[in-house]
Amino acid sequence: MRLKDKVALITGAGGGIGGESALLFSAEGAAVLVADVNEAGGQETVARVKAAGGRALFVRADVSKDADCARMVAECERIFGRLDVLFNNAGIMDSADDDAVNTSEAVWERTMAINLKGVFLGCKHGIPALKRAGGGSVINVASFVAHLGAATPQLAYTASKGGVLAMTRELAVIHARQNIRVNALSPGPLKTELLMKFLDTEAKRQRRLVHIPMGRFGEAKEMAKAALFLASDDSSYMTGASLLVDGGITAAYVTPE
């Protein structure tokens, strides 16, 4: 068991990558605090973990709010006694996100508040808890679009994920001597509700798929396995890095036939 006796806090764990990661982390021995604004989804994740014989508890948290992030970390330590893995996974992709001309200020601000500020607040309150536990692993969800531009305009999302990547590098340097590793997980296009709501027509989906050498969207379970690697001692000499799990999209220059 790669996370035996560890405690993990996962934001956005009411479904998608977060939900699958909660199940996998639990199967690998971790107690999991499931945090999400979606109470029904969060409780469902907890039920799935418990049905599989694991330990999990749900806390409602809006990661864009300082008080919620402080509370979720405090609850994690109160209930489970410590924090070893902080997985800042919560994020949004607004269907109205577009280019600079057509993206509204409201969409920009909401996207930044959740995707970028939410990671900052998770680290602000979570890193002191990791220090109290003697160290641990922080995983921040970035994206392949932090490394290259997206074929379908999504400027606020792309900018927010670029910020996550830059923040991850700086935090890794700051905390490297404190036994705290900070890495980013950069997924490629996934077959999740988050992306499929954005790519809401077949034309949009094909425009993205044509750039992926593997010819398919990734699965949330595949991202959970990558997150497990970053959470565990398997990645013990890895910090400040971005783990690209993207079907080859960032390696492609021309579309394969």
Protein backbone atom coordinates (compact mmCIF):
# COMPACT_ATOMS: atom_id res chain seq x y z
CA MET A 1 0.00 0.00 0.00
CA ARG A 2 1.64 3.19 -1.18
CA LEU A 3 -0.27 5.55 1.15
CA LYS A 4 -0.56 3.34 4.22
CA ASP A 5 -1.44 5.39 7.33
CA LYS A 6 -1.41 8.65 5.36
CA VAL A 7 -4.12 11.32 5.34
CA ALA A 8 -5.08 13.03 2.09
CA LEU A 9 -7.23 16.10 1.52
CA ILE A 10 -8.69 16.29 -1.99
CA THR A 11 -10.58 19.33 -3.23
CA GLY A 12 -13.15 18.96 -5.97
CA ALA A 13 -13.55 15.34 -4.92
CA GLY A 14 -17.28 15.17 -5.65
CA GLY A 15 -16.55 13.59 -9.04
CA GLY A 16 -14.10 13.43 -11.93
CA ILE A 17 -10.39 13.27 -11.11
CA GLY A 18 -11.01 14.10 -7.45
CA GLY A 19 -13.58 11.38 -6.94
CA GLU A 20 -11.48 8.71 -8.65
CA SER A 21 -8.42 9.83 -6.69
CA ALA A 22 -10.31 9.54 -3.40
CA LEU A 23 -11.18 5.93 -4.24
CA LEU A 24 -7.65 5.07 -5.33
CA PHE A 25 -5.90 6.83 -2.45
CA SER A 26 -8.18 5.03 -0.03
CA ALA A 27 -7.47 1.68 -1.65
CA GLU A 28 -3.78 2.43 -1.18
CA GLY A 29 -4.24 2.95 2.56
CA ALA A 30 -5.04 6.64 3.00
CA ALA A 31 -7.80 8.25 5.02
CA VAL A 32 -9.40 10.86 2.76
CA LEU A 33 -11.06 14.17 3.45
CA VAL A 34 -13.38 14.86 0.52
CA ALA A 35 -13.88 18.60 -0.06
CA ASP A 36 -16.29 20.08 -2.59
CA VAL A 37 -19.05 22.66 -3.02
CA ASN A 38 -21.17 19.85 -4.44
CA GLU A 39 -22.55 18.20 -1.32
CA ALA A 40 -24.38 15.41 -3.15
CA GLY A 41 -21.31 14.50 -5.18
CA GLY A 42 -19.03 14.71 -2.16
CA GLN A 43 -21.25 12.48 -0.07
CA GLU A 44 -21.48 10.02 -2.95
CA THR A 45 -17.67 9.83 -3.11
CA VAL A 46 -17.52 9.21 0.63
CA ALA A 47 -20.12 6.46 0.30
CA ARG A 48 -18.13 4.80 -2.49
CA VAL A 49 -14.94 4.92 -0.41
CA LYS A 50 -16.68 3.46 2.63
CA ALA A 51 -18.38 0.76 0.54
CA ALA A 52 -14.91 -0.32 -0.57
CA GLY A 53 -13.76 -0.53 3.04
CA GLY A 54 -11.97 2.82 3.25
CA ARG A 55 -12.09 5.85 5.54
CA ALA A 56 -13.45 9.15 4.25
CA LEU A 57 -15.37 12.18 5.40
CA PHE A 58 -16.97 15.04 3.47
CA VAL A 59 -16.50 18.74 4.21
CA ARG A 60 -18.24 21.38 2.13
CA ALA A 61 -15.69 23.91 0.93
CA ASP A 62 -15.62 26.66 -1.66
CA VAL A 63 -11.91 26.89 -2.44
CA SER A 64 -12.23 30.52 -3.53
CA LYS A 65 -13.03 31.46 0.10
CA ASP A 66 -10.29 31.74 2.70
CA ALA A 67 -12.52 30.71 5.60
CA ASP A 68 -13.64 27.52 3.81
CA CYS A 69 -10.06 26.49 3.05
CA ALA A 70 -8.99 27.15 6.63
CA ARG A 71 -11.93 25.09 7.89
CA MET A 72 -11.33 22.09 5.62
CA VAL A 73 -7.71 21.81 6.75
CA ALA A 74 -8.66 22.25 10.41
CA GLU A 75 -11.35 19.58 10.09
CA CYS A 76 -8.87 17.21 8.44
CA GLU A 77 -6.46 17.54 11.34
CA ARG A 78 -9.24 17.34 13.91
CA ILE A 79 -10.78 14.20 12.47
CA PHE A 80 -7.77 12.33 11.15
CA GLY A 81 -5.00 13.87 13.29
CA ARG A 82 -2.72 15.08 10.51
CA LEU A 83 -2.34 15.96 6.82
CA ASP A 84 0.17 14.22 4.56
CA VAL A 85 -1.15 14.81 1.03
CA LEU A 86 -2.81 18.00 -0.21
CA PHE A 87 -4.40 17.55 -3.63
CA ASN A 88 -5.59 20.92 -4.95
CA ASN A 89 -7.81 19.50 -7.65
CA ALA A 90 -10.91 21.74 -7.67
CA GLY A 91 -11.39 23.74 -10.83
CA ILE A 92 -13.88 25.03 -13.37
CA MET A 93 -14.04 25.51 -17.11
CA ASP A 94 -16.74 28.05 -17.99
CA SER A 95 -18.57 27.45 -21.26
CA ALA A 96 -18.52 31.23 -21.85
CA ASP A 97 -14.69 31.30 -21.63
CA ASP A 98 -13.37 32.43 -25.01
CA ASP A 99 -10.67 34.73 -26.38
CA ALA A 100 -9.64 38.12 -24.97
CA VAL A 101 -12.28 39.96 -26.97
CA ASN A 102 -15.22 37.72 -26.08
CA THR A 103 -14.50 36.56 -22.52
CA SER A 104 -16.39 38.63 -19.97
CA GLU A 105 -14.74 40.07 -16.90
CA ALA A 106 -17.10 38.02 -14.73
CA VAL A 107 -16.00 34.75 -16.36
CA TRP A 108 -12.35 35.76 -16.00
CA GLU A 109 -12.71 36.62 -12.31
CA ARG A 110 -14.70 33.51 -11.40
CA THR A 111 -12.22 31.26 -13.21
CA MET A 112 -9.23 32.89 -11.49
CA ALA A 113 -10.94 32.79 -8.09
CA ILE A 114 -11.44 29.03 -8.22
CA ASN A 115 -8.61 27.73 -10.40
CA LEU A 116 -5.77 29.96 -9.21
CA LYS A 117 -6.76 31.63 -5.95
CA GLY A 118 -8.21 28.30 -4.80
CA VAL A 119 -4.82 26.61 -5.16
CA PHE A 120 -3.15 29.52 -3.34
CA LEU A 121 -5.62 29.27 -0.44
CA GLY A 122 -5.29 25.48 -0.29
CA CYS A 123 -1.53 25.88 0.03
CA LYS A 124 -1.83 28.81 2.44
CA HIS A 125 -3.67 26.66 4.96
CA GLY A 126 -2.50 23.19 3.95
CA ILE A 127 1.26 23.69 3.94
CA PRO A 128 1.40 24.59 7.68
CA ALA A 129 -0.50 21.33 8.37
CA LEU A 130 2.01 19.38 6.26
CA LYS A 131 4.80 20.99 8.31
CA ARG A 132 3.10 19.87 11.51
CA ALA A 133 3.03 16.33 10.13
CA GLY A 134 6.75 16.43 9.36
CA GLY A 135 6.37 16.95 5.62
CA GLY A 136 4.30 15.64 2.75
CA SER A 137 3.20 16.10 -0.83
CA VAL A 138 1.25 18.90 -2.51
CA ILE A 139 -0.31 18.18 -5.90
CA ASN A 140 -1.72 21.10 -7.86
CA VAL A 141 -3.81 20.47 -10.95
CA ALA A 142 -2.57 22.48 -13.90
CA SER A 143 -3.25 21.44 -17.49
CA PHE A 144 -1.62 20.76 -20.82
CA VAL A 145 -2.77 24.28 -21.79
CA ALA A 146 -0.26 25.65 -19.26
CA HIS A 147 2.35 24.40 -21.75
CA LEU A 148 0.77 25.32 -25.10
CA GLY A 149 -2.22 27.21 -26.44
CA ALA A 150 -5.56 25.47 -26.77
CA ALA A 151 -7.14 24.89 -30.17
CA THR A 152 -10.50 25.99 -28.76
CA PRO A 153 -10.19 29.44 -27.12
CA GLN A 154 -10.45 29.32 -23.31
CA LEU A 155 -8.28 32.23 -22.24
CA ALA A 156 -9.25 32.51 -18.58
CA TYR A 157 -8.80 28.78 -18.02
CA THR A 158 -5.46 28.70 -19.84
CA ALA A 159 -4.13 31.72 -17.93
CA SER A 160 -5.29 30.28 -14.59
CA LYS A 161 -3.52 26.99 -15.23
CA GLY A 162 -0.34 28.79 -16.30
CA GLY A 163 -0.47 30.56 -12.96
CA VAL A 164 -0.87 27.24 -11.13
CA LEU A 165 2.26 25.93 -12.86
CA ALA A 166 4.32 29.01 -11.92
CA MET A 167 3.05 28.90 -8.33
CA THR A 168 3.92 25.22 -8.08
CA ARG A 169 7.54 25.85 -9.09
CA GLU A 170 8.01 28.65 -6.59
CA LEU A 171 6.39 26.76 -3.70
CA ALA A 172 8.57 23.73 -4.49
CA VAL A 173 11.72 25.83 -4.12
CA ILE A 174 10.54 27.55 -0.95
CA HIS A 175 9.60 24.33 0.86
CA ALA A 176 12.14 21.86 -0.54
CA ARG A 177 14.20 21.79 2.66
CA GLN A 178 11.10 21.23 4.79
CA ASN A 179 10.37 17.75 3.45
CA ILE A 180 7.45 19.15 1.45
CA ARG A 181 7.28 18.33 -2.24
CA VAL A 182 5.10 20.43 -4.54
CA ASN A 183 4.31 19.17 -8.03
CA ALA A 184 1.74 19.86 -10.71
CA LEU A 185 -0.37 17.32 -12.53
CA SER A 186 -1.03 18.51 -16.07
CA PRO A 187 -3.79 16.41 -17.65
CA GLY A 188 -4.54 16.40 -21.34
CA PRO A 189 -8.11 16.58 -22.63
CA LEU A 190 -10.28 14.26 -20.56
CA LYS A 191 -13.62 12.57 -20.99
CA THR A 192 -15.01 14.23 -17.88
CA GLU A 193 -18.12 16.31 -17.25
CA LEU A 194 -15.92 19.40 -16.86
CA LEU A 195 -14.50 19.27 -20.39
CA MET A 196 -17.49 17.75 -22.13
CA LYS A 197 -19.65 20.66 -20.94
CA PHE A 198 -17.13 23.00 -22.57
CA LEU A 199 -16.72 20.94 -25.74
CA ASP A 200 -20.47 20.83 -26.12
CA THR A 201 -20.67 20.08 -29.84
CA GLU A 202 -19.22 17.29 -31.94
CA ALA A 203 -17.30 19.87 -33.97
CA LYS A 204 -15.60 21.21 -30.82
CA ARG A 205 -14.73 17.70 -29.66
CA GLN A 206 -13.25 16.74 -33.02
CA ARG A 207 -11.25 19.97 -33.14
CA ARG A 208 -9.56 18.89 -29.90
CA LEU A 209 -9.29 15.17 -30.70
CA VAL A 210 -7.51 15.74 -33.99
CA HIS A 211 -4.50 17.10 -32.06
CA ILE A 212 -4.16 14.11 -29.70
CA PRO A 213 -1.74 11.49 -31.08
CA MET A 214 -3.44 8.72 -29.09
CA GLY A 215 -6.74 9.67 -30.74
CA ARG A 216 -8.92 9.65 -27.63
CA PHE A 217 -9.78 11.63 -24.52
CA GLY A 218 -8.16 10.56 -21.27
CA GLU A 219 -10.06 9.08 -18.33
CA ALA A 220 -10.30 10.41 -14.78
CA LYS A 221 -9.01 7.05 -13.49
CA GLU A 222 -5.82 7.55 -15.48
CA MET A 223 -5.24 10.92 -13.84
CA ALA A 224 -5.88 9.40 -10.40
CA LYS A 225 -3.06 6.94 -11.01
CA ALA A 226 -0.72 9.78 -11.90
CA ALA A 227 -1.81 11.68 -8.77
CA LEU A 228 -1.08 8.59 -6.69
CA PHE A 229 2.47 8.56 -8.03
CA LEU A 230 2.94 12.20 -7.00
CA ALA A 231 1.33 11.60 -3.60
CA SER A 232 3.47 8.58 -2.75
CA ASP A 233 7.14 8.00 -2.05
CA ASP A 234 7.45 6.68 -5.60
CA SER A 235 8.09 10.33 -6.54
CA SER A 236 10.32 11.09 -3.54
CA TYR A 237 13.00 12.91 -5.60
CA MET A 238 10.51 14.94 -7.61
CA THR A 239 9.48 18.51 -6.80
CA GLY A 240 8.69 21.61 -8.80
CA ALA A 241 7.78 19.47 -11.79
CA SER A 242 4.78 19.19 -14.07
CA LEU A 243 3.71 15.64 -14.79
CA LEU A 244 2.12 15.71 -18.24
CA VAL A 245 -0.44 12.95 -18.75
CA ASP A 246 -1.86 14.11 -22.04
CA GLY A 247 -2.06 11.41 -24.70
CA GLY A 248 0.92 13.01 -26.43
CA ILE A 249 -0.78 16.30 -27.26
CA THR A 250 2.12 18.51 -26.10
CA ALA A 251 4.58 16.41 -28.08
CA ALA A 252 2.68 16.76 -31.37
CA TYR A 253 3.64 19.22 -34.08
CA VAL A 254 1.46 17.90 -36.87
CA THR A 255 -1.67 15.82 -36.68
CA PRO A 256 -0.94 12.09 -37.21
CA GLU A 257 -2.77 10.41 -40.05
